[in-house]
Protein backbone atom coordinates (compact mmCIF):
# COMPACT_ATOMS: atom_id res chain seq x y z
CA MET A 1 333.31 135.59 120.45
CA ARG A 2 335.43 134.47 123.41
CA PRO A 3 333.52 131.64 125.68
CA VAL A 4 333.85 134.16 128.57
CA ASP A 5 331.78 136.66 126.40
CA ALA A 6 329.28 134.34 125.34
CA SER A 7 328.48 133.19 129.00
CA ARG A 8 328.21 136.77 130.09
CA ASN A 9 326.11 137.67 126.93
CA SER A 10 323.71 134.75 127.97
CA ARG A 11 323.53 135.79 131.43
CA ILE A 12 322.59 139.48 130.67
CA LEU A 13 319.90 138.43 128.33
CA LEU A 14 318.44 135.39 130.70
CA GLY A 15 318.35 138.51 133.22
CA ALA A 16 316.63 141.02 131.07
CA ILE A 17 314.13 138.03 130.08
CA VAL A 18 313.46 137.71 134.07
CA ILE A 19 313.08 141.38 134.58
CA LEU A 20 310.35 141.62 131.76
CA ALA A 21 308.73 138.66 132.91
CA ILE A 22 308.45 140.21 136.71
CA SER A 23 307.13 143.69 134.77
CA MET A 24 304.49 141.77 132.62
CA ARG A 25 302.87 140.06 135.94
CA GLN A 26 303.05 142.98 137.89
CA ALA A 27 301.22 145.00 134.86
CA THR A 28 298.40 142.07 134.52
CA ALA A 29 298.41 142.00 138.21
CA SER A 30 297.21 145.57 138.41
CA ALA A 31 293.78 144.61 136.71
CA SER A 32 292.92 142.72 139.84
CA LEU A 33 292.71 143.83 143.87
CA SER A 34 295.38 143.48 146.65
CA GLY A 35 296.68 144.70 149.71
CA TYR A 36 295.56 144.73 153.41
CA ARG A 37 292.04 144.93 154.26
CA GLU A 38 289.98 147.95 155.31
CA PRO A 39 287.82 148.33 157.75
CA CYS A 40 284.25 149.79 157.40
CA THR A 41 281.31 150.19 159.85
CA ASN A 42 278.09 150.62 157.79
CA GLU A 43 276.91 147.46 157.05
CA GLY A 44 275.74 146.29 153.92
CA GLU A 45 277.01 149.90 152.31
CA GLU A 46 278.62 150.10 148.87
CA VAL A 47 282.31 151.44 149.13
CA ARG A 48 283.29 153.46 146.43
CA ILE A 49 286.99 153.01 145.13
CA SER A 50 288.78 154.29 142.18
CA MET A 51 289.05 151.14 140.17
CA PRO A 52 285.65 151.44 138.02
CA CYS A 53 285.09 147.57 137.10
CA PHE A 54 284.59 146.51 140.99
CA LYS A 55 281.89 146.83 143.38
CA CYS A 56 282.78 146.66 146.92
CA ILE A 57 280.14 146.44 150.10
CA CYS A 58 280.95 146.34 153.65
CA LYS A 59 280.54 143.02 154.87
CA ASN A 60 281.40 141.83 157.94
CA GLY A 61 283.26 144.82 159.35
CA PHE A 62 285.57 144.77 156.07
CA VAL A 63 285.28 146.17 152.32
CA GLU A 64 284.93 143.28 150.06
CA CYS A 65 285.03 143.54 146.33
CA GLU A 66 283.93 141.57 143.43
CA GLN A 67 285.08 142.46 140.04
CA GLU A 68 282.26 143.09 137.60
CA SER A 69 281.20 140.25 135.29
CA CYS A 70 280.53 141.13 131.63
CA PRO A 71 277.57 139.52 129.79
CA ALA A 72 278.86 136.98 126.85
CA VAL A 73 279.36 138.98 123.40
CA ASP A 74 280.05 135.58 121.31
CA ASP A 75 276.61 135.09 119.89
CA CYS A 76 276.56 139.10 119.23
CA TYR A 77 277.16 140.05 115.75
CA ILE A 78 277.82 143.55 116.39
CA TYR A 79 278.99 145.09 119.72
CA LYS A 80 280.55 148.55 121.08
CA LYS A 81 283.78 147.82 122.15
CA LYS A 82 284.39 149.28 126.38
CA GLY A 83 285.13 153.07 126.63
CA PRO A 84 287.92 154.49 128.97
CA ASP A 85 285.31 154.44 131.86
CA GLU A 86 283.31 151.00 131.28
CA CYS A 87 284.12 147.68 132.21
CA CYS A 88 282.43 145.55 129.41
CA ASP A 89 281.84 145.36 125.92
CA LYS A 90 278.18 145.65 124.94
CA CYS A 91 275.85 143.88 122.39
CA ILE A 92 274.16 146.85 120.35
CA GLY A 93 270.30 146.23 120.83
CA CYS A 94 267.57 147.75 118.76
CA LEU A 95 265.28 150.92 119.21
CA TYR A 96 261.83 149.80 118.30
CA GLU A 97 259.16 152.24 119.11
CA GLY A 98 261.03 154.39 121.28
CA ARG A 99 261.98 151.69 123.35
CA HIS A 100 265.32 150.12 123.57
CA ILE A 101 265.16 146.05 123.20
CA ASP A 102 268.15 143.70 124.02
CA SER A 103 269.80 142.00 121.12
CA GLY A 104 268.40 138.21 121.02
CA THR A 105 265.18 139.34 122.27
CA GLU A 106 261.99 137.84 120.70
CA TRP A 107 258.51 138.76 121.25
CA THR A 108 254.93 138.97 119.80
CA ASP A 109 252.63 141.88 119.25
CA PRO A 110 250.13 142.17 121.82
CA ASP A 111 247.48 143.41 119.28
CA ASP A 112 248.51 140.96 116.70
CA PRO A 113 249.52 137.49 117.74
CA CYS A 114 250.42 136.56 114.60
CA MET A 115 253.07 139.26 114.25
CA HIS A 116 256.91 137.65 115.60
CA TYR A 117 259.67 140.07 116.46
CA LYS A 118 263.30 139.65 117.35
CA CYS A 119 266.23 142.06 117.96
CA VAL A 120 269.51 140.79 116.42
CA SER A 121 272.61 143.39 116.82
CA GLY A 122 270.46 146.62 115.76
CA VAL A 123 268.17 144.94 113.37
CA VAL A 124 264.56 143.98 114.28
CA THR A 125 262.78 141.66 112.00
CA ARG A 126 259.47 140.70 111.71
CA SER A 127 257.53 137.41 110.69
CA GLU A 128 253.91 136.78 110.23
CA MET A 129 252.71 133.30 110.85
CA LYS A 130 249.99 131.96 108.52
CA CYS A 131 247.49 129.64 109.48
CA TYR A 132 245.48 126.60 107.66
CA ALA A 133 241.90 126.01 108.75
CA PRO A 134 241.12 123.04 107.24
CA CYS A 135 237.35 123.85 107.33
CA SER A 136 234.48 125.71 105.95
CA ASP A 137 233.65 127.97 108.45
CA PRO A 138 236.49 128.16 111.10
CA SER A 139 235.66 130.10 114.28
CA PRO A 140 237.54 133.67 114.71
CA PRO A 141 241.06 133.41 116.75
CA ARG A 142 240.47 133.37 120.46
CA LYS A 143 242.11 136.32 121.92
CA GLY A 144 245.58 136.30 122.04
CA GLN A 145 245.66 133.21 119.58
CA CYS A 146 246.40 133.89 115.80
CA CYS A 147 244.96 130.88 113.92
CA PRO A 148 241.14 130.29 113.89
CA THR A 149 239.78 126.85 114.85
CA CYS A 150 237.39 124.17 113.77
CA LEU A 151 234.29 123.79 115.62
CA GLU A 152 233.45 119.96 116.81
CA GLY A 153 232.29 117.93 113.36
CA GLN A 154 234.08 120.08 111.38
CA GLU A 155 237.28 118.82 109.04
CA ARG A 156 240.21 119.00 111.40
CA SER A 157 244.08 118.96 110.96
CA PHE A 158 246.51 117.35 112.46
CA LEU A 159 250.36 117.49 112.61
CA LEU A 160 252.16 114.37 111.36
CA GLY A 161 255.52 114.45 111.30
CA GLY A 162 255.77 118.15 110.24
CA LEU A 163 252.92 117.80 107.96
CA VAL A 164 249.41 119.04 108.00
CA CYS A 165 247.13 116.08 107.25
CA ALA A 166 243.38 116.98 106.96
CA HIS A 167 240.79 114.25 108.46
CA TYR A 168 238.55 112.55 105.85
CA HIS A 169 241.21 112.87 103.02
CA VAL A 170 243.24 110.08 101.28
CA GLY A 171 246.73 110.26 101.73
CA CYS A 172 246.84 110.68 105.46
CA PRO A 173 249.05 107.71 106.90
CA ASN A 174 247.27 106.99 110.62
CA ALA A 175 244.55 109.48 110.58
CA PRO A 176 242.13 109.20 113.47
CA GLU A 177 238.68 107.53 112.57
CA LYS A 178 235.54 109.96 111.95
């Protein structure tokens, strides 16, 4: 190959790369809005445009648009990819007793405060709290609470570094006096 041909081929290749780079930039820029300012008269009114992922309103006499922000799906195990008319991927929630629950939501049963629920990517898990009452005749749980309580003067318990220690028992360091 002659030096003149190599130089010509290099220029053609460079020109092709420049054209490709410009066309790629235009393709990515089409997802944003640009152009002239459109006047409007109904202050605060939503203005419909042909791009579904932008919300536009009339503000100070001109149409202002913002791109819809999508909720994070980083902690989502299962998510639905966005469709052609949708802007965002969606984390799959749960259907529980006929109601839709967002993934990541936790709640306690209002009728049974010992039951705790959590929705994670379409699966509802249920856990039941177990109580320990260190007295012989505990009072029933108060409304909205799970565990019974010991009356004053009965043997009581306290939490010590994650361990339940009952008063008056050997082996509970720093237990309060009777």
